[in-house]
Amino acid sequence: MSGYGRVRRLILARHGESEANRAAAEADAAGAERIAVPARDADVELSATGREQAEALGHHLADAGARLRPVSVWVSPYVRARQTTEIALRTGGLDLTPRVDERLRDRELGILDALTGRGVRALHPSEAERRQYLGKFYYRPPGGESWADVALRVRSLLADIESSAGEGHDDDVLIVCHDAVVSLIRYVCERVEEQDLLEDARVNPMPNAAVTVLERIDGASGTEPGWRAVTVNDVAHLTRHDAAVTRHSGETDDTTP
């Protein structure tokens, strides 16, 4: 529509390391079936390492200058994502008010919540078999969501982000959320195939506070309009600002052998 702007870049950031991430790693190392999650999933806070990662993210946004200068911020309502956003914006000197949106929440795991892969196989063997048969993308645990379910809310969210672009100029938008949600934003925007999406998630697990940048493709010279990733799972800012690089999967129901 003439006179209105649009989204030029999506800056996708995973939250920093959470206390639940640490608890899951400890449970896996101990061969435990259950994860000693310190609070309900929505209320889990950042670890000390996660706070350092959030500060590094803020420095990264400040260092990037005009190259990555978000004019709006959308964030998951979960505490770990909100804390990451608050710390990053404060550290980066960005005077922005985050827009909290429940469609960016982490994938809900239902009865498999707070279980390790070992725990799923031991306590819910029929669910482990059903997931193996259906595949990770379409398997929905009782009381939870499939990746396809999350993709539906992502599509709705992206439409609202597009419609909120500032008048008369192109916007860079920062989105702070969770690893599965970032992957599914890429799935929707880049029109990735299911198997390619899941293989990439398996081979390249998303580090905490990693940054992925999507740029709009105009469709000039016969190119189909859409989006392309120009940066994927970038963590150079963590090393540059002396923050640890941690790789904790948010998918605690992984029953793949």
C-alpha atoms as a PDB file:
ATOM      1  CA  MET A   1       0.000   0.000   0.000  1.00  0.00           C
ATOM      2  CA  SER A   2       1.421   3.374  -0.998  1.00  0.00           C
ATOM      3  CA  GLY A   3       2.841   5.477   1.839  1.00  0.00           C
ATOM      4  CA  TYR A   4       3.285   2.584   4.233  1.00  0.00           C
ATOM      5  CA  GLY A   5       6.479   0.836   5.256  1.00  0.00           C
ATOM      6  CA  ARG A   6       7.276  -2.813   5.583  1.00  0.00           C
ATOM      7  CA  VAL A   7       9.597  -5.112   7.440  1.00  0.00           C
ATOM      8  CA  ARG A   8      13.056  -5.152   5.852  1.00  0.00           C
ATOM      9  CA  ARG A   9      14.881  -7.466   8.264  1.00  0.00           C
ATOM     10  CA  LEU A  10      13.906  -9.914  10.977  1.00  0.00           C
ATOM     11  CA  ILE A  11      16.573 -10.167  13.678  1.00  0.00           C
ATOM     12  CA  LEU A  12      15.861 -13.453  15.456  1.00  0.00           C
ATOM     13  CA  ALA A  13      17.533 -14.077  18.814  1.00  0.00           C
ATOM     14  CA  ARG A  14      17.232 -17.079  21.078  1.00  0.00           C
ATOM     15  CA  HIS A  15      17.091 -16.340  24.801  1.00  0.00           C
ATOM     16  CA  GLY A  16      20.186 -16.757  26.950  1.00  0.00           C
ATOM     17  CA  GLU A  17      20.915 -19.899  28.923  1.00  0.00           C
ATOM     18  CA  SER A  18      18.167 -20.593  31.463  1.00  0.00           C
ATOM     19  CA  GLU A  19      18.210 -22.431  34.765  1.00  0.00           C
ATOM     20  CA  ALA A  20      16.097 -25.136  33.114  1.00  0.00           C
ATOM     21  CA  ASN A  21      18.702 -25.517  30.336  1.00  0.00           C
ATOM     22  CA  ARG A  22      21.308 -26.187  33.015  1.00  0.00           C
ATOM     23  CA  ALA A  23      19.006 -28.595  34.871  1.00  0.00           C
ATOM     24  CA  ALA A  24      18.310 -30.532  31.660  1.00  0.00           C
ATOM     25  CA  ALA A  25      22.026 -30.886  30.924  1.00  0.00           C
ATOM     26  CA  GLU A  26      22.640 -32.160  34.452  1.00  0.00           C
ATOM     27  CA  ALA A  27      19.759 -34.649  34.188  1.00  0.00           C
ATOM     28  CA  ASP A  28      21.053 -35.979  30.869  1.00  0.00           C
ATOM     29  CA  ALA A  29      24.580 -36.328  32.260  1.00  0.00           C
ATOM     30  CA  ALA A  30      23.250 -38.217  35.271  1.00  0.00           C
ATOM     31  CA  GLY A  31      21.085 -40.535  33.164  1.00  0.00           C
ATOM     32  CA  ALA A  32      17.981 -39.290  34.999  1.00  0.00           C
ATOM     33  CA  GLU A  33      14.432 -39.596  33.741  1.00  0.00           C
ATOM     34  CA  ARG A  34      13.171 -36.290  35.097  1.00  0.00           C
ATOM     35  CA  ILE A  35      14.558 -32.765  34.976  1.00  0.00           C
ATOM     36  CA  ALA A  36      14.606 -30.758  38.203  1.00  0.00           C
ATOM     37  CA  VAL A  37      13.044 -27.686  36.609  1.00  0.00           C
ATOM     38  CA  PRO A  38      13.088 -24.847  39.171  1.00  0.00           C
ATOM     39  CA  ALA A  39       9.690 -23.373  38.175  1.00  0.00           C
ATOM     40  CA  ARG A  40       6.909 -23.786  35.651  1.00  0.00           C
ATOM     41  CA  ASP A  41       8.294 -23.374  32.156  1.00  0.00           C
ATOM     42  CA  ALA A  42       6.965 -19.846  31.671  1.00  0.00           C
ATOM     43  CA  ASP A  43       8.655 -18.646  34.890  1.00  0.00           C
ATOM     44  CA  VAL A  44      12.140 -20.132  34.491  1.00  0.00           C
ATOM     45  CA  GLU A  45      14.797 -17.431  34.770  1.00  0.00           C
ATOM     46  CA  LEU A  46      18.154 -16.910  33.106  1.00  0.00           C
ATOM     47  CA  SER A  47      21.256 -18.422  34.650  1.00  0.00           C
ATOM     48  CA  ALA A  48      24.242 -16.203  35.447  1.00  0.00           C
ATOM     49  CA  THR A  49      25.715 -17.320  32.119  1.00  0.00           C
ATOM     50  CA  GLY A  50      22.470 -16.447  30.363  1.00  0.00           C
ATOM     51  CA  ARG A  51      22.618 -12.915  31.748  1.00  0.00           C
ATOM     52  CA  GLU A  52      26.153 -12.510  30.407  1.00  0.00           C
ATOM     53  CA  GLN A  53      24.963 -13.782  27.024  1.00  0.00           C
ATOM     54  CA  ALA A  54      22.099 -11.263  27.042  1.00  0.00           C
ATOM     55  CA  GLU A  55      24.579  -8.465  27.724  1.00  0.00           C
ATOM     56  CA  ALA A  56      26.722  -9.678  24.816  1.00  0.00           C
ATOM     57  CA  LEU A  57      23.628  -9.620  22.603  1.00  0.00           C
ATOM     58  CA  GLY A  58      23.032  -6.007  23.626  1.00  0.00           C
ATOM     59  CA  HIS A  59      26.623  -5.069  22.794  1.00  0.00           C
ATOM     60  CA  HIS A  60      26.189  -6.782  19.428  1.00  0.00           C
ATOM     61  CA  LEU A  61      23.133  -4.683  18.601  1.00  0.00           C
ATOM     62  CA  ALA A  62      24.978  -1.530  19.631  1.00  0.00           C
ATOM     63  CA  ASP A  63      28.116  -2.473  17.670  1.00  0.00           C
ATOM     64  CA  ALA A  64      26.091  -3.231  14.530  1.00  0.00           C
ATOM     65  CA  GLY A  65      24.876   0.367  14.320  1.00  0.00           C
ATOM     66  CA  ALA A  66      22.717   1.093  11.288  1.00  0.00           C
ATOM     67  CA  ARG A  67      23.266  -2.418   9.890  1.00  0.00           C
ATOM     68  CA  LEU A  68      21.045  -3.960  12.575  1.00  0.00           C
ATOM     69  CA  ARG A  69      18.999  -1.253  14.230  1.00  0.00           C
ATOM     70  CA  PRO A  70      15.601  -2.568  15.285  1.00  0.00           C
ATOM     71  CA  VAL A  71      12.796  -0.064  15.528  1.00  0.00           C
ATOM     72  CA  SER A  72      10.476  -2.538  17.242  1.00  0.00           C
ATOM     73  CA  VAL A  73      10.876  -5.582  19.472  1.00  0.00           C
ATOM     74  CA  TRP A  74       8.583  -8.584  19.847  1.00  0.00           C
ATOM     75  CA  VAL A  75       9.237 -11.038  22.655  1.00  0.00           C
ATOM     76  CA  SER A  76       7.953 -14.301  24.090  1.00  0.00           C
ATOM     77  CA  PRO A  77       6.082 -13.878  27.394  1.00  0.00           C
ATOM     78  CA  TYR A  78       8.349 -16.456  29.067  1.00  0.00           C
ATOM     79  CA  VAL A  79      10.573 -14.931  31.727  1.00  0.00           C
ATOM     80  CA  ARG A  80      13.866 -16.109  30.196  1.00  0.00           C
ATOM     81  CA  ALA A  81      13.054 -14.358  26.915  1.00  0.00           C
ATOM     82  CA  ARG A  82      11.824 -11.193  28.611  1.00  0.00           C
ATOM     83  CA  GLN A  83      14.945 -11.019  30.777  1.00  0.00           C
ATOM     84  CA  THR A  84      17.160 -11.521  27.732  1.00  0.00           C
ATOM     85  CA  THR A  85      15.352  -8.688  25.959  1.00  0.00           C
ATOM     86  CA  GLU A  86      15.467  -6.310  28.919  1.00  0.00           C
ATOM     87  CA  ILE A  87      19.187  -6.843  29.493  1.00  0.00           C
ATOM     88  CA  ALA A  88      20.048  -6.626  25.783  1.00  0.00           C
ATOM     89  CA  LEU A  89      18.096  -3.415  25.204  1.00  0.00           C
ATOM     90  CA  ARG A  90      19.539  -1.774  28.298  1.00  0.00           C
ATOM     91  CA  THR A  91      23.096  -2.828  27.440  1.00  0.00           C
ATOM     92  CA  GLY A  92      22.707  -1.782  23.816  1.00  0.00           C
ATOM     93  CA  GLY A  93      21.226   1.609  24.696  1.00  0.00           C
ATOM     94  CA  LEU A  94      18.049   0.925  22.717  1.00  0.00           C
ATOM     95  CA  ASP A  95      15.059   2.884  23.970  1.00  0.00           C
ATOM     96  CA  LEU A  96      12.393   0.464  22.804  1.00  0.00           C
ATOM     97  CA  THR A  97       9.361  -0.991  24.542  1.00  0.00           C
ATOM     98  CA  PRO A  98       9.089  -4.732  23.837  1.00  0.00           C
ATOM     99  CA  ARG A  99       5.782  -6.050  22.613  1.00  0.00           C
ATOM    100  CA  VAL A 100       5.047  -9.276  24.482  1.00  0.00           C
ATOM    101  CA  ASP A 101       3.144 -11.805  22.386  1.00  0.00           C
ATOM    102  CA  GLU A 102       2.058 -15.264  23.549  1.00  0.00           C
ATOM    103  CA  ARG A 103       2.400 -16.639  20.006  1.00  0.00           C
ATOM    104  CA  LEU A 104       6.177 -16.513  20.549  1.00  0.00           C
ATOM    105  CA  ARG A 105       6.055 -18.794  23.603  1.00  0.00           C
ATOM    106  CA  ASP A 106       8.071 -22.004  23.560  1.00  0.00           C
ATOM    107  CA  ARG A 107       6.537 -25.195  22.197  1.00  0.00           C
ATOM    108  CA  GLU A 108       4.354 -26.835  24.819  1.00  0.00           C
ATOM    109  CA  LEU A 109       5.392 -30.408  25.614  1.00  0.00           C
ATOM    110  CA  GLY A 110       2.302 -31.559  27.532  1.00  0.00           C
ATOM    111  CA  ILE A 111       2.831 -34.799  29.471  1.00  0.00           C
ATOM    112  CA  LEU A 112       6.444 -34.947  28.289  1.00  0.00           C
ATOM    113  CA  ASP A 113       7.334 -31.682  30.007  1.00  0.00           C
ATOM    114  CA  ALA A 114      10.382 -31.934  32.320  1.00  0.00           C
ATOM    115  CA  LEU A 115      11.311 -35.397  31.026  1.00  0.00           C
ATOM    116  CA  THR A 116      14.601 -36.355  29.432  1.00  0.00           C
ATOM    117  CA  GLY A 117      14.626 -38.572  26.350  1.00  0.00           C
ATOM    118  CA  ARG A 118      15.345 -41.490  28.693  1.00  0.00           C
ATOM    119  CA  GLY A 119      12.348 -40.485  30.796  1.00  0.00           C
ATOM    120  CA  VAL A 120      10.030 -40.376  27.795  1.00  0.00           C
ATOM    121  CA  ARG A 121      11.074 -43.871  26.739  1.00  0.00           C
ATOM    122  CA  ALA A 122      10.759 -45.265  30.268  1.00  0.00           C
ATOM    123  CA  LEU A 123       7.554 -43.561  31.409  1.00  0.00           C
ATOM    124  CA  HIS A 124       5.677 -43.135  28.117  1.00  0.00           C
ATOM    125  CA  PRO A 125       6.974 -45.825  25.744  1.00  0.00           C
ATOM    126  CA  SER A 126       3.859 -45.705  23.572  1.00  0.00           C
ATOM    127  CA  GLU A 127       4.387 -41.959  23.064  1.00  0.00           C
ATOM    128  CA  ALA A 128       8.019 -42.562  22.151  1.00  0.00           C
ATOM    129  CA  GLU A 129       6.857 -45.068  19.522  1.00  0.00           C
ATOM    130  CA  ARG A 130       4.136 -42.746  18.232  1.00  0.00           C
ATOM    131  CA  ARG A 131       6.580 -39.882  17.887  1.00  0.00           C
ATOM    132  CA  GLN A 132       9.029 -42.110  16.066  1.00  0.00           C
ATOM    133  CA  TYR A 133       6.295 -43.110  13.625  1.00  0.00           C
ATOM    134  CA  LEU A 134       4.791 -39.663  13.025  1.00  0.00           C
ATOM    135  CA  GLY A 135       8.058 -37.744  13.024  1.00  0.00           C
ATOM    136  CA  LYS A 136       9.058 -34.721  15.019  1.00  0.00           C
ATOM    137  CA  PHE A 137       7.194 -32.174  12.890  1.00  0.00           C
ATOM    138  CA  TYR A 138       3.698 -33.637  13.223  1.00  0.00           C
ATOM    139  CA  TYR A 139       3.903 -35.466  16.551  1.00  0.00           C
ATOM    140  CA  ARG A 140       1.755 -33.771  19.202  1.00  0.00           C
ATOM    141  CA  PRO A 141       2.273 -35.027  22.776  1.00  0.00           C
ATOM    142  CA  PRO A 142      -0.926 -35.245  24.832  1.00  0.00           C
ATOM    143  CA  GLY A 143      -1.598 -31.778  26.206  1.00  0.00           C
ATOM    144  CA  GLY A 144       1.163 -30.281  24.046  1.00  0.00           C
ATOM    145  CA  GLU A 145       1.931 -28.997  20.563  1.00  0.00           C
ATOM    146  CA  SER A 146       3.552 -30.296  17.411  1.00  0.00           C
ATOM    147  CA  TRP A 147       6.013 -28.198  15.438  1.00  0.00           C
ATOM    148  CA  ALA A 148       3.219 -27.786  12.878  1.00  0.00           C
ATOM    149  CA  ASP A 149       1.005 -26.268  15.586  1.00  0.00           C
ATOM    150  CA  VAL A 150       3.695 -23.716  16.402  1.00  0.00           C
ATOM    151  CA  ALA A 151       4.093 -22.912  12.697  1.00  0.00           C
ATOM    152  CA  LEU A 152       0.412 -21.900  12.577  1.00  0.00           C
ATOM    153  CA  ARG A 153       0.812 -19.345  15.352  1.00  0.00           C
ATOM    154  CA  VAL A 154       4.049 -18.112  13.760  1.00  0.00           C
ATOM    155  CA  ARG A 155       2.191 -17.407  10.497  1.00  0.00           C
ATOM    156  CA  SER A 156      -0.385 -15.360  12.386  1.00  0.00           C
ATOM    157  CA  LEU A 157       2.308 -13.449  14.267  1.00  0.00           C
ATOM    158  CA  LEU A 158       4.296 -12.583  11.146  1.00  0.00           C
ATOM    159  CA  ALA A 159       1.208 -11.135   9.499  1.00  0.00           C
ATOM    160  CA  ASP A 160       0.731  -8.819  12.476  1.00  0.00           C
ATOM    161  CA  ILE A 161       4.382  -7.804  12.482  1.00  0.00           C
ATOM    162  CA  GLU A 162       4.135  -6.912   8.808  1.00  0.00           C
ATOM    163  CA  SER A 163       0.981  -4.852   9.352  1.00  0.00           C
ATOM    164  CA  SER A 164       2.634  -2.905  12.187  1.00  0.00           C
ATOM    165  CA  ALA A 165       5.603  -1.680  10.099  1.00  0.00           C
ATOM    166  CA  GLY A 166       6.219   2.046  10.429  1.00  0.00           C
ATOM    167  CA  GLU A 167       4.681   4.421   7.916  1.00  0.00           C
ATOM    168  CA  GLY A 168       6.926   5.598   5.107  1.00  0.00           C
ATOM    169  CA  HIS A 169      10.029   3.520   5.856  1.00  0.00           C
ATOM    170  CA  ASP A 170      11.311  -0.033   6.103  1.00  0.00           C
ATOM    171  CA  ASP A 171      11.716  -1.572   9.545  1.00  0.00           C
ATOM    172  CA  ASP A 172      14.205  -3.864  11.200  1.00  0.00           C
ATOM    173  CA  VAL A 173      12.367  -5.975  13.788  1.00  0.00           C
ATOM    174  CA  LEU A 174      13.991  -7.809  16.693  1.00  0.00           C
ATOM    175  CA  ILE A 175      12.274 -11.013  17.846  1.00  0.00           C
ATOM    176  CA  VAL A 176      13.479 -12.717  21.045  1.00  0.00           C
ATOM    177  CA  CYS A 177      12.087 -16.182  21.626  1.00  0.00           C
ATOM    178  CA  HIS A 178      13.017 -19.888  21.666  1.00  0.00           C
ATOM    179  CA  ASP A 179      15.002 -22.235  19.447  1.00  0.00           C
ATOM    180  CA  ALA A 180      12.045 -24.140  17.976  1.00  0.00           C
ATOM    181  CA  VAL A 181      10.192 -20.876  17.326  1.00  0.00           C
ATOM    182  CA  VAL A 182      13.194 -19.326  15.560  1.00  0.00           C
ATOM    183  CA  SER A 183      13.490 -22.458  13.399  1.00  0.00           C
ATOM    184  CA  LEU A 184       9.810 -22.274  12.520  1.00  0.00           C
ATOM    185  CA  ILE A 185       9.986 -18.593  11.628  1.00  0.00           C
ATOM    186  CA  ARG A 186      12.672 -19.589   9.141  1.00  0.00           C
ATOM    187  CA  TYR A 187      10.475 -22.482   7.968  1.00  0.00           C
ATOM    188  CA  VAL A 188       7.606 -20.102   7.215  1.00  0.00           C
ATOM    189  CA  CYS A 189       9.629 -17.205   5.786  1.00  0.00           C
ATOM    190  CA  GLU A 190      12.117 -19.205   3.702  1.00  0.00           C
ATOM    191  CA  ARG A 191       9.614 -21.917   2.719  1.00  0.00           C
ATOM    192  CA  VAL A 192      11.870 -24.654   3.989  1.00  0.00           C
ATOM    193  CA  GLU A 193      10.895 -28.298   3.496  1.00  0.00           C
ATOM    194  CA  GLU A 194      10.036 -30.331   6.604  1.00  0.00           C
ATOM    195  CA  GLN A 195      12.990 -32.713   6.332  1.00  0.00           C
ATOM    196  CA  ASP A 196      15.464 -29.906   5.687  1.00  0.00           C
ATOM    197  CA  LEU A 197      14.160 -28.030   8.723  1.00  0.00           C
ATOM    198  CA  LEU A 198      14.492 -31.006  11.059  1.00  0.00           C
ATOM    199  CA  GLU A 199      17.871 -32.067   9.702  1.00  0.00           C
ATOM    200  CA  ASP A 200      19.235 -28.571  10.204  1.00  0.00           C
ATOM    201  CA  ALA A 201      17.892 -28.491  13.776  1.00  0.00           C
ATOM    202  CA  ARG A 202      19.548 -31.861  14.440  1.00  0.00           C
ATOM    203  CA  VAL A 203      22.920 -31.084  12.862  1.00  0.00           C
ATOM    204  CA  ASN A 204      23.156 -27.429  13.889  1.00  0.00           C
ATOM    205  CA  PRO A 205      21.630 -27.051  17.361  1.00  0.00           C
ATOM    206  CA  MET A 206      20.935 -23.413  18.135  1.00  0.00           C
ATOM    207  CA  PRO A 207      23.165 -21.922  20.835  1.00  0.00           C
ATOM    208  CA  ASN A 208      21.712 -19.690  23.506  1.00  0.00           C
ATOM    209  CA  ALA A 209      21.619 -15.997  22.494  1.00  0.00           C
ATOM    210  CA  ALA A 210      22.453 -16.931  18.882  1.00  0.00           C
ATOM    211  CA  VAL A 211      21.352 -14.437  16.233  1.00  0.00           C
ATOM    212  CA  THR A 212      19.778 -15.245  12.870  1.00  0.00           C
ATOM    213  CA  VAL A 213      19.001 -12.452  10.406  1.00  0.00           C
ATOM    214  CA  LEU A 214      16.457 -12.754   7.601  1.00  0.00           C
ATOM    215  CA  GLU A 215      16.356 -10.192   4.787  1.00  0.00           C
ATOM    216  CA  ARG A 216      13.517  -9.555   2.402  1.00  0.00           C
ATOM    217  CA  ILE A 217      13.980 -10.550  -1.238  1.00  0.00           C
ATOM    218  CA  ASP A 218      12.177  -8.153  -3.566  1.00  0.00           C
ATOM    219  CA  GLY A 219      11.859 -10.542  -6.471  1.00  0.00           C
ATOM    220  CA  ALA A 220      13.864  -8.436  -8.906  1.00  0.00           C
ATOM    221  CA  SER A 221      15.466 -10.005 -11.994  1.00  0.00           C
ATOM    222  CA  GLY A 222      13.113 -12.950 -11.977  1.00  0.00           C
ATOM    223  CA  THR A 223      13.827 -13.935  -8.359  1.00  0.00           C
ATOM    224  CA  GLU A 224      10.787 -15.061  -6.418  1.00  0.00           C
ATOM    225  CA  PRO A 225       9.957 -12.596  -3.609  1.00  0.00           C
ATOM    226  CA  GLY A 226      10.359 -13.833  -0.078  1.00  0.00           C
ATOM    227  CA  TRP A 227      13.038 -14.036   2.588  1.00  0.00           C
ATOM    228  CA  ARG A 228      16.587 -15.335   2.841  1.00  0.00           C
ATOM    229  CA  ALA A 229      18.856 -15.942   5.813  1.00  0.00           C
ATOM    230  CA  VAL A 230      21.999 -13.819   5.681  1.00  0.00           C
ATOM    231  CA  THR A 231      23.158 -14.852   9.168  1.00  0.00           C
ATOM    232  CA  VAL A 232      22.343 -18.126  10.909  1.00  0.00           C
ATOM    233  CA  ASN A 233      23.038 -18.995  14.550  1.00  0.00           C
ATOM    234  CA  ASP A 234      25.721 -16.323  14.867  1.00  0.00           C
ATOM    235  CA  VAL A 235      27.502 -16.391  18.249  1.00  0.00           C
ATOM    236  CA  ALA A 236      30.596 -14.324  17.404  1.00  0.00           C
ATOM    237  CA  HIS A 237      29.295 -11.611  19.730  1.00  0.00           C
ATOM    238  CA  LEU A 238      29.420 -14.012  22.669  1.00  0.00           C
ATOM    239  CA  THR A 239      33.091 -14.767  22.173  1.00  0.00           C
ATOM    240  CA  ARG A 240      33.836 -11.128  21.437  1.00  0.00           C
ATOM    241  CA  HIS A 241      32.303 -10.035  24.733  1.00  0.00           C
ATOM    242  CA  ASP A 242      33.625 -12.900  26.892  1.00  0.00           C
ATOM    243  CA  ALA A 243      30.334 -14.779  27.262  1.00  0.00           C
ATOM    244  CA  ALA A 244      30.214 -18.566  27.135  1.00  0.00           C
ATOM    245  CA  VAL A 245      28.721 -20.334  24.117  1.00  0.00           C
ATOM    246  CA  THR A 246      26.178 -22.885  25.363  1.00  0.00           C
ATOM    247  CA  ARG A 247      24.155 -25.337  23.315  1.00  0.00           C
ATOM    248  CA  HIS A 248      21.088 -26.596  25.128  1.00  0.00           C
ATOM    249  CA  SER A 249      18.216 -27.979  23.089  1.00  0.00           C
ATOM    250  CA  GLY A 250      14.792 -26.808  24.152  1.00  0.00           C
ATOM    251  CA  GLU A 251      13.405 -30.102  22.867  1.00  0.00           C
ATOM    252  CA  THR A 252      13.523 -32.334  25.941  1.00  0.00           C
ATOM    253  CA  ASP A 253      11.194 -34.895  24.328  1.00  0.00           C
ATOM    254  CA  ASP A 254      13.715 -36.037  21.739  1.00  0.00           C
ATOM    255  CA  THR A 255      13.299 -39.799  21.510  1.00  0.00           C
ATOM    256  CA  THR A 256      15.292 -40.291  18.343  1.00  0.00           C
ATOM    257  CA  PRO A 257      17.832 -43.125  18.899  1.00  0.00           C
END
